[in-house]
Amino acid sequence: MNNLHLATLGLVVAHFALPAQAAYVLNISQSGADVVANGSGSLNVNALSAGGAEISIGPFLWAGAATAYVGTGLTNEFLGAVGPANFGGGFFAPGGAGFGVPVGIGGGNAILVPIGTDNGAQLGASGGTWANATLASLGLTPGTYVWSWGQGDDFDTFTINIPGGPQPGVPEPATWLYLIAGFGVAGATMRARRQRRARLIVPA
């Protein structure tokens, strides 16, 4: 089997070998005269340390303390996430009535998940609204903020996206894998072309 076929096979194998990971994403954006937050995904907290139960006080944001909460209801707190210390300079800002199950991040290291849900299960949509507010008035700095924890099958992330900011400059590990495999395919193709050209110009 030539190098081109080997590189292509490696790319296919790498694609199917990548583990499926849980992840939760909270999008915070301007919607007319209001700021809205909508989150969805799943959370695997196996690698985190159990904290205590938290009582919902409704959706709130505290950008300066890397804290965000959406939905309503009781949550369990798990400690040990690592990530940005803030996503802006804003202070505590309560929102209006929330919807969906309660989910949040507190202080940049605590992950809040609904009591009674299965670990790693899809949590459904949750959200909250901050009426007559702007991203600036809430002290939110546009960008993408990622907190992570665990390894292997227990690796997971909580992401906050605020439109208009810089995008992450470092590819995820899976992206690196695709890039490396892609370079391998390109290199094999170039070698094959050089070999064909060499055969064509060999004098009789």
C-alpha atoms as a PDB file:
ATOM      1  CA  MET A   1       0.000   0.000   0.000  1.00  0.00           C
ATOM      2  CA  ASN A   2       1.525   3.351  -1.014  1.00  0.00           C
ATOM      3  CA  ASN A   3       2.032   6.357   1.253  1.00  0.00           C
ATOM      4  CA  LEU A   4      -1.047   8.176  -0.047  1.00  0.00           C
ATOM      5  CA  HIS A   5      -3.318   5.257   0.804  1.00  0.00           C
ATOM      6  CA  LEU A   6      -1.717   4.867   4.223  1.00  0.00           C
ATOM      7  CA  ALA A   7      -2.168   8.559   5.056  1.00  0.00           C
ATOM      8  CA  THR A   8      -5.791   8.521   3.909  1.00  0.00           C
ATOM      9  CA  LEU A   9      -6.499   5.378   5.937  1.00  0.00           C
ATOM     10  CA  GLY A  10      -4.906   7.010   8.991  1.00  0.00           C
ATOM     11  CA  LEU A  11      -7.185  10.031   8.639  1.00  0.00           C
ATOM     12  CA  VAL A  12     -10.290   7.824   8.475  1.00  0.00           C
ATOM     13  CA  VAL A  13      -9.193   5.717  11.459  1.00  0.00           C
ATOM     14  CA  ALA A  14      -8.395   8.836  13.484  1.00  0.00           C
ATOM     15  CA  HIS A  15     -11.856  10.224  12.785  1.00  0.00           C
ATOM     16  CA  PHE A  16     -13.629   7.145  14.113  1.00  0.00           C
ATOM     17  CA  ALA A  17     -11.195   6.716  17.012  1.00  0.00           C
ATOM     18  CA  LEU A  18     -11.888  10.148  18.493  1.00  0.00           C
ATOM     19  CA  PRO A  19     -13.887   9.726  21.723  1.00  0.00           C
ATOM     20  CA  ALA A  20     -17.270  11.369  22.009  1.00  0.00           C
ATOM     21  CA  GLN A  21     -17.097  13.967  24.746  1.00  0.00           C
ATOM     22  CA  ALA A  22     -19.797  15.712  26.681  1.00  0.00           C
ATOM     23  CA  ALA A  23     -19.889  19.519  26.600  1.00  0.00           C
ATOM     24  CA  TYR A  24     -22.126  22.376  27.672  1.00  0.00           C
ATOM     25  CA  VAL A  25     -22.313  25.681  25.792  1.00  0.00           C
ATOM     26  CA  LEU A  26     -23.932  28.881  27.065  1.00  0.00           C
ATOM     27  CA  ASN A  27     -24.482  31.604  24.463  1.00  0.00           C
ATOM     28  CA  ILE A  28     -24.997  35.156  25.761  1.00  0.00           C
ATOM     29  CA  SER A  29     -26.033  37.758  23.203  1.00  0.00           C
ATOM     30  CA  GLN A  30     -27.843  41.017  22.600  1.00  0.00           C
ATOM     31  CA  SER A  31     -31.434  40.638  21.438  1.00  0.00           C
ATOM     32  CA  GLY A  32     -33.036  44.005  20.788  1.00  0.00           C
ATOM     33  CA  ALA A  33     -33.159  45.921  24.059  1.00  0.00           C
ATOM     34  CA  ASP A  34     -32.382  42.799  26.127  1.00  0.00           C
ATOM     35  CA  VAL A  35     -29.518  40.417  26.795  1.00  0.00           C
ATOM     36  CA  VAL A  36     -30.434  36.745  26.521  1.00  0.00           C
ATOM     37  CA  ALA A  37     -28.578  33.615  27.567  1.00  0.00           C
ATOM     38  CA  ASN A  38     -29.337  30.193  26.114  1.00  0.00           C
ATOM     39  CA  GLY A  39     -27.525  27.012  27.050  1.00  0.00           C
ATOM     40  CA  SER A  40     -27.656  23.350  26.108  1.00  0.00           C
ATOM     41  CA  GLY A  41     -25.538  20.214  26.145  1.00  0.00           C
ATOM     42  CA  SER A  42     -24.449  17.665  28.723  1.00  0.00           C
ATOM     43  CA  LEU A  43     -22.025  17.566  31.636  1.00  0.00           C
ATOM     44  CA  ASN A  44     -19.845  14.720  32.881  1.00  0.00           C
ATOM     45  CA  VAL A  45     -18.770  15.530  36.443  1.00  0.00           C
ATOM     46  CA  ASN A  46     -16.978  12.248  37.262  1.00  0.00           C
ATOM     47  CA  ALA A  47     -13.615  14.016  37.514  1.00  0.00           C
ATOM     48  CA  LEU A  48     -14.902  16.769  39.815  1.00  0.00           C
ATOM     49  CA  SER A  49     -15.217  16.818  43.610  1.00  0.00           C
ATOM     50  CA  ALA A  50     -18.712  16.946  45.084  1.00  0.00           C
ATOM     51  CA  GLY A  51     -19.579  20.189  46.840  1.00  0.00           C
ATOM     52  CA  GLY A  52     -23.073  20.802  48.178  1.00  0.00           C
ATOM     53  CA  ALA A  53     -26.613  21.547  47.074  1.00  0.00           C
ATOM     54  CA  GLU A  54     -27.435  25.034  45.798  1.00  0.00           C
ATOM     55  CA  ILE A  55     -30.852  26.754  45.755  1.00  0.00           C
ATOM     56  CA  SER A  56     -31.839  28.600  42.610  1.00  0.00           C
ATOM     57  CA  ILE A  57     -32.440  32.337  42.901  1.00  0.00           C
ATOM     58  CA  GLY A  58     -33.168  32.674  39.188  1.00  0.00           C
ATOM     59  CA  PRO A  59     -30.776  33.444  36.336  1.00  0.00           C
ATOM     60  CA  PHE A  60     -27.848  35.713  37.101  1.00  0.00           C
ATOM     61  CA  LEU A  61     -24.490  36.786  35.694  1.00  0.00           C
ATOM     62  CA  TRP A  62     -21.362  37.932  37.486  1.00  0.00           C
ATOM     63  CA  ALA A  63     -18.776  38.350  34.761  1.00  0.00           C
ATOM     64  CA  GLY A  64     -16.027  39.607  37.050  1.00  0.00           C
ATOM     65  CA  ALA A  65     -16.247  36.428  39.139  1.00  0.00           C
ATOM     66  CA  ALA A  66     -16.602  33.957  36.228  1.00  0.00           C
ATOM     67  CA  THR A  67     -20.118  33.088  37.368  1.00  0.00           C
ATOM     68  CA  ALA A  68     -23.220  32.418  35.279  1.00  0.00           C
ATOM     69  CA  TYR A  69     -26.485  30.650  36.075  1.00  0.00           C
ATOM     70  CA  VAL A  70     -29.519  29.868  33.902  1.00  0.00           C
ATOM     71  CA  GLY A  71     -32.725  27.907  34.379  1.00  0.00           C
ATOM     72  CA  THR A  72     -34.541  27.327  37.664  1.00  0.00           C
ATOM     73  CA  GLY A  73     -34.448  24.662  40.362  1.00  0.00           C
ATOM     74  CA  LEU A  74     -32.042  22.870  42.705  1.00  0.00           C
ATOM     75  CA  THR A  75     -28.496  22.028  41.699  1.00  0.00           C
ATOM     76  CA  ASN A  76     -25.566  19.994  42.949  1.00  0.00           C
ATOM     77  CA  GLU A  77     -22.192  21.721  42.987  1.00  0.00           C
ATOM     78  CA  PHE A  78     -19.004  20.024  41.768  1.00  0.00           C
ATOM     79  CA  LEU A  79     -15.568  21.584  42.200  1.00  0.00           C
ATOM     80  CA  GLY A  80     -12.353  21.405  40.186  1.00  0.00           C
ATOM     81  CA  ALA A  81     -12.945  23.048  36.804  1.00  0.00           C
ATOM     82  CA  VAL A  82     -10.066  25.134  35.410  1.00  0.00           C
ATOM     83  CA  GLY A  83     -10.394  28.149  33.122  1.00  0.00           C
ATOM     84  CA  PRO A  84     -10.643  31.946  32.865  1.00  0.00           C
ATOM     85  CA  ALA A  85     -10.967  33.975  36.061  1.00  0.00           C
ATOM     86  CA  ASN A  86     -13.680  36.148  34.466  1.00  0.00           C
ATOM     87  CA  PHE A  87     -15.528  36.884  31.237  1.00  0.00           C
ATOM     88  CA  GLY A  88     -15.669  40.626  31.803  1.00  0.00           C
ATOM     89  CA  GLY A  89     -15.651  43.098  34.665  1.00  0.00           C
ATOM     90  CA  GLY A  90     -19.345  43.109  35.516  1.00  0.00           C
ATOM     91  CA  PHE A  91     -20.787  42.671  39.004  1.00  0.00           C
ATOM     92  CA  PHE A  92     -23.714  40.539  40.176  1.00  0.00           C
ATOM     93  CA  ALA A  93     -26.622  41.025  37.749  1.00  0.00           C
ATOM     94  CA  PRO A  94     -29.896  39.126  38.358  1.00  0.00           C
ATOM     95  CA  GLY A  95     -32.060  38.342  35.378  1.00  0.00           C
ATOM     96  CA  GLY A  96     -35.766  37.813  34.897  1.00  0.00           C
ATOM     97  CA  ALA A  97     -37.596  34.504  35.034  1.00  0.00           C
ATOM     98  CA  GLY A  98     -35.504  31.656  33.719  1.00  0.00           C
ATOM     99  CA  PHE A  99     -36.568  28.552  31.859  1.00  0.00           C
ATOM    100  CA  GLY A 100     -35.311  25.006  31.680  1.00  0.00           C
ATOM    101  CA  VAL A 101     -33.225  23.016  34.127  1.00  0.00           C
ATOM    102  CA  PRO A 102     -30.718  24.866  36.332  1.00  0.00           C
ATOM    103  CA  VAL A 103     -27.133  24.876  35.053  1.00  0.00           C
ATOM    104  CA  GLY A 104     -24.222  27.129  35.861  1.00  0.00           C
ATOM    105  CA  ILE A 105     -20.610  27.844  36.606  1.00  0.00           C
ATOM    106  CA  GLY A 106     -19.519  29.540  39.814  1.00  0.00           C
ATOM    107  CA  GLY A 107     -16.253  31.277  40.548  1.00  0.00           C
ATOM    108  CA  GLY A 108     -14.599  29.709  37.531  1.00  0.00           C
ATOM    109  CA  ASN A 109     -14.163  26.334  39.251  1.00  0.00           C
ATOM    110  CA  ALA A 110     -17.618  25.128  40.364  1.00  0.00           C
ATOM    111  CA  ILE A 111     -19.998  23.404  37.949  1.00  0.00           C
ATOM    112  CA  LEU A 112     -23.693  23.358  38.848  1.00  0.00           C
ATOM    113  CA  VAL A 113     -25.885  20.580  37.483  1.00  0.00           C
ATOM    114  CA  PRO A 114     -29.552  19.754  38.155  1.00  0.00           C
ATOM    115  CA  ILE A 115     -30.265  17.444  41.080  1.00  0.00           C
ATOM    116  CA  GLY A 116     -31.592  14.093  39.944  1.00  0.00           C
ATOM    117  CA  THR A 117     -30.178  14.058  36.399  1.00  0.00           C
ATOM    118  CA  ASP A 118     -27.947  11.276  35.111  1.00  0.00           C
ATOM    119  CA  ASN A 119     -24.289  12.157  34.812  1.00  0.00           C
ATOM    120  CA  GLY A 120     -23.454  12.950  31.168  1.00  0.00           C
ATOM    121  CA  ALA A 121     -27.103  13.014  30.047  1.00  0.00           C
ATOM    122  CA  GLN A 122     -28.391  15.751  27.758  1.00  0.00           C
ATOM    123  CA  LEU A 123     -29.729  18.567  29.907  1.00  0.00           C
ATOM    124  CA  GLY A 124     -32.031  20.213  27.378  1.00  0.00           C
ATOM    125  CA  ALA A 125     -32.343  23.947  26.777  1.00  0.00           C
ATOM    126  CA  SER A 126     -32.061  26.487  29.588  1.00  0.00           C
ATOM    127  CA  GLY A 127     -31.891  30.246  29.621  1.00  0.00           C
ATOM    128  CA  GLY A 128     -32.596  33.641  31.088  1.00  0.00           C
ATOM    129  CA  THR A 129     -33.254  37.244  30.039  1.00  0.00           C
ATOM    130  CA  TRP A 130     -31.819  40.545  31.272  1.00  0.00           C
ATOM    131  CA  ALA A 131     -34.384  43.155  30.245  1.00  0.00           C
ATOM    132  CA  ASN A 132     -33.346  46.629  29.147  1.00  0.00           C
ATOM    133  CA  ALA A 133     -29.661  45.718  29.325  1.00  0.00           C
ATOM    134  CA  THR A 134     -26.674  45.550  27.016  1.00  0.00           C
ATOM    135  CA  LEU A 135     -23.544  43.425  27.007  1.00  0.00           C
ATOM    136  CA  ALA A 136     -21.621  46.534  28.061  1.00  0.00           C
ATOM    137  CA  SER A 137     -23.985  47.444  30.905  1.00  0.00           C
ATOM    138  CA  LEU A 138     -23.615  43.922  32.311  1.00  0.00           C
ATOM    139  CA  GLY A 139     -19.853  44.181  32.039  1.00  0.00           C
ATOM    140  CA  LEU A 140     -19.549  41.312  29.544  1.00  0.00           C
ATOM    141  CA  THR A 141     -16.455  41.168  27.349  1.00  0.00           C
ATOM    142  CA  PRO A 142     -17.111  39.505  23.955  1.00  0.00           C
ATOM    143  CA  GLY A 143     -15.154  36.325  23.401  1.00  0.00           C
ATOM    144  CA  THR A 144     -15.149  32.570  23.896  1.00  0.00           C
ATOM    145  CA  TYR A 145     -14.384  31.278  27.403  1.00  0.00           C
ATOM    146  CA  VAL A 146     -13.752  27.605  28.126  1.00  0.00           C
ATOM    147  CA  TRP A 147     -13.450  25.763  31.451  1.00  0.00           C
ATOM    148  CA  SER A 148     -12.343  22.148  31.431  1.00  0.00           C
ATOM    149  CA  TRP A 149     -11.673  19.204  33.722  1.00  0.00           C
ATOM    150  CA  GLY A 150     -10.879  15.497  33.644  1.00  0.00           C
ATOM    151  CA  GLN A 151      -9.056  13.272  31.191  1.00  0.00           C
ATOM    152  CA  GLY A 152      -9.997  10.601  28.678  1.00  0.00           C
ATOM    153  CA  ASP A 153     -13.659   9.620  28.837  1.00  0.00           C
ATOM    154  CA  ASP A 154     -14.146  11.937  31.818  1.00  0.00           C
ATOM    155  CA  PHE A 155     -12.838  15.029  30.017  1.00  0.00           C
ATOM    156  CA  ASP A 156     -15.489  17.738  29.696  1.00  0.00           C
ATOM    157  CA  THR A 157     -15.926  21.463  29.106  1.00  0.00           C
ATOM    158  CA  PHE A 158     -18.232  24.346  29.959  1.00  0.00           C
ATOM    159  CA  THR A 159     -18.114  27.126  27.340  1.00  0.00           C
ATOM    160  CA  ILE A 160     -19.501  30.659  27.376  1.00  0.00           C
ATOM    161  CA  ASN A 161     -19.782  32.373  23.993  1.00  0.00           C
ATOM    162  CA  ILE A 162     -20.317  36.130  23.827  1.00  0.00           C
ATOM    163  CA  PRO A 163     -20.491  37.246  20.152  1.00  0.00           C
ATOM    164  CA  GLY A 164     -18.132  39.849  18.777  1.00  0.00           C
ATOM    165  CA  GLY A 165     -14.948  38.797  20.515  1.00  0.00           C
ATOM    166  CA  PRO A 166     -11.752  37.021  19.515  1.00  0.00           C
ATOM    167  CA  GLN A 167     -11.907  33.348  18.686  1.00  0.00           C
ATOM    168  CA  PRO A 168      -9.611  30.801  20.335  1.00  0.00           C
ATOM    169  CA  GLY A 169      -6.226  30.735  18.589  1.00  0.00           C
ATOM    170  CA  VAL A 170      -5.164  27.218  19.633  1.00  0.00           C
ATOM    171  CA  PRO A 171      -6.877  24.275  17.877  1.00  0.00           C
ATOM    172  CA  GLU A 172      -8.452  21.545  19.957  1.00  0.00           C
ATOM    173  CA  PRO A 173      -6.509  18.231  20.115  1.00  0.00           C
ATOM    174  CA  ALA A 174      -8.879  16.708  17.550  1.00  0.00           C
ATOM    175  CA  THR A 175      -8.190  19.626  15.215  1.00  0.00           C
ATOM    176  CA  TRP A 176      -4.446  19.056  15.529  1.00  0.00           C
ATOM    177  CA  LEU A 177      -4.997  15.411  14.634  1.00  0.00           C
ATOM    178  CA  TYR A 178      -6.833  16.344  11.453  1.00  0.00           C
ATOM    179  CA  LEU A 179      -4.188  18.927  10.547  1.00  0.00           C
ATOM    180  CA  ILE A 180      -1.340  16.446  10.974  1.00  0.00           C
ATOM    181  CA  ALA A 181      -3.167  13.804   8.960  1.00  0.00           C
ATOM    182  CA  GLY A 182      -3.916  16.392   6.289  1.00  0.00           C
ATOM    183  CA  PHE A 183      -0.238  17.314   6.018  1.00  0.00           C
ATOM    184  CA  GLY A 184       0.560  13.626   5.642  1.00  0.00           C
ATOM    185  CA  VAL A 185      -1.891  13.289   2.752  1.00  0.00           C
ATOM    186  CA  ALA A 186      -0.509  16.406   1.063  1.00  0.00           C
ATOM    187  CA  GLY A 187       3.094  15.214   1.446  1.00  0.00           C
ATOM    188  CA  ALA A 188       2.301  11.776   0.073  1.00  0.00           C
ATOM    189  CA  THR A 189       0.518  13.332  -2.919  1.00  0.00           C
ATOM    190  CA  MET A 190       3.513  15.567  -3.698  1.00  0.00           C
ATOM    191  CA  ARG A 191       5.939  12.626  -3.498  1.00  0.00           C
ATOM    192  CA  ALA A 192       3.766  10.562  -5.813  1.00  0.00           C
ATOM    193  CA  ARG A 193       3.667  13.411  -8.351  1.00  0.00           C
ATOM    194  CA  ARG A 194       7.464  13.843  -8.230  1.00  0.00           C
ATOM    195  CA  GLN A 195       7.950  10.117  -8.789  1.00  0.00           C
ATOM    196  CA  ARG A 196       5.620  10.169 -11.817  1.00  0.00           C
ATOM    197  CA  ARG A 197       7.422  13.185 -13.299  1.00  0.00           C
ATOM    198  CA  ALA A 198      10.791  11.482 -12.739  1.00  0.00           C
ATOM    199  CA  ARG A 199       9.628   8.403 -14.644  1.00  0.00           C
ATOM    200  CA  LEU A 200       8.419  10.556 -17.526  1.00  0.00           C
ATOM    201  CA  ILE A 201      11.733  12.401 -18.052  1.00  0.00           C
ATOM    202  CA  VAL A 202      14.104   9.411 -17.710  1.00  0.00           C
ATOM    203  CA  PRO A 203      16.058   9.298 -21.038  1.00  0.00           C
ATOM    204  CA  ALA A 204      15.722   6.181 -23.180  1.00  0.00           C
END
